[in-house]
Amino acid sequence: MYWIAKIFQAAGLALMGWGFIKYFPHLMPHNIFLIAGVFFLTGWAIQAYFLKDHG
């Protein structure tokens, strides 16, 4: 589960980086930013809520 969370986070950051590079010097489209954010936040939520240390 830890690796799934990290893969989602990395995918979100990679998508945001790709959008930044592809559309430079203009702003990346909002839909790419939102999709990247959803990926990253999904990974963060998995890590924060499903992988809590209960000990």
Protein backbone atom coordinates (compact mmCIF):
# COMPACT_ATOMS: atom_id res chain seq x y z
CA MET A 1 0.00 0.00 0.00
CA TYR A 2 2.94 2.31 0.72
CA TRP A 3 4.25 1.88 -2.82
CA ILE A 4 0.83 2.54 -4.33
CA ALA A 5 0.65 5.82 -2.41
CA LYS A 6 4.13 6.84 -3.56
CA ILE A 7 3.38 5.89 -7.18
CA PHE A 8 0.26 8.09 -7.13
CA GLN A 9 2.24 10.97 -5.65
CA ALA A 10 5.06 10.56 -8.17
CA ALA A 11 2.58 10.33 -11.05
CA GLY A 12 0.95 13.57 -9.95
CA LEU A 13 4.27 15.37 -9.73
CA ALA A 14 5.45 13.92 -13.05
CA LEU A 15 2.23 14.97 -14.79
CA MET A 16 2.56 18.47 -13.41
CA GLY A 17 6.19 18.65 -14.50
CA TRP A 18 5.30 17.37 -17.98
CA GLY A 19 2.54 19.97 -18.30
CA PHE A 20 4.90 22.72 -17.18
CA ILE A 21 7.59 21.73 -19.68
CA LYS A 22 5.21 21.09 -22.59
CA TYR A 23 3.36 24.40 -22.34
CA PHE A 24 6.30 26.59 -21.26
CA PRO A 25 6.41 29.68 -21.43
CA HIS A 26 2.60 29.70 -21.16
CA LEU A 27 0.59 28.39 -18.26
CA MET A 28 -0.41 24.74 -18.38
CA PRO A 29 -4.12 24.06 -18.90
CA HIS A 30 -6.20 23.85 -15.76
CA ASN A 31 -7.36 20.30 -16.47
CA ILE A 32 -3.78 18.98 -16.39
CA PHE A 33 -3.18 20.82 -13.12
CA LEU A 34 -6.37 19.41 -11.60
CA ILE A 35 -5.69 15.84 -12.73
CA ALA A 36 -2.15 16.03 -11.36
CA GLY A 37 -3.51 17.38 -8.10
CA VAL A 38 -6.04 14.58 -7.84
CA PHE A 39 -3.32 11.98 -8.39
CA PHE A 40 -1.06 13.56 -5.79
CA LEU A 41 -3.82 14.03 -3.22
CA THR A 42 -4.99 10.44 -3.70
CA GLY A 43 -1.51 9.21 -2.88
CA TRP A 44 -1.26 11.57 0.06
CA ALA A 45 -4.64 10.41 1.41
CA ILE A 46 -3.64 6.76 1.13
CA GLN A 47 -0.44 7.46 3.00
CA ALA A 48 -2.05 9.67 5.63
CA TYR A 49 -5.19 7.69 6.40
CA PHE A 50 -4.64 4.06 5.39
CA LEU A 51 -1.04 3.74 6.57
CA LYS A 52 -1.35 5.27 10.03
CA ASP A 53 0.81 3.74 12.72
CA HIS A 54 -1.61 2.43 15.31
CA GLY A 55 1.05 1.37 17.76
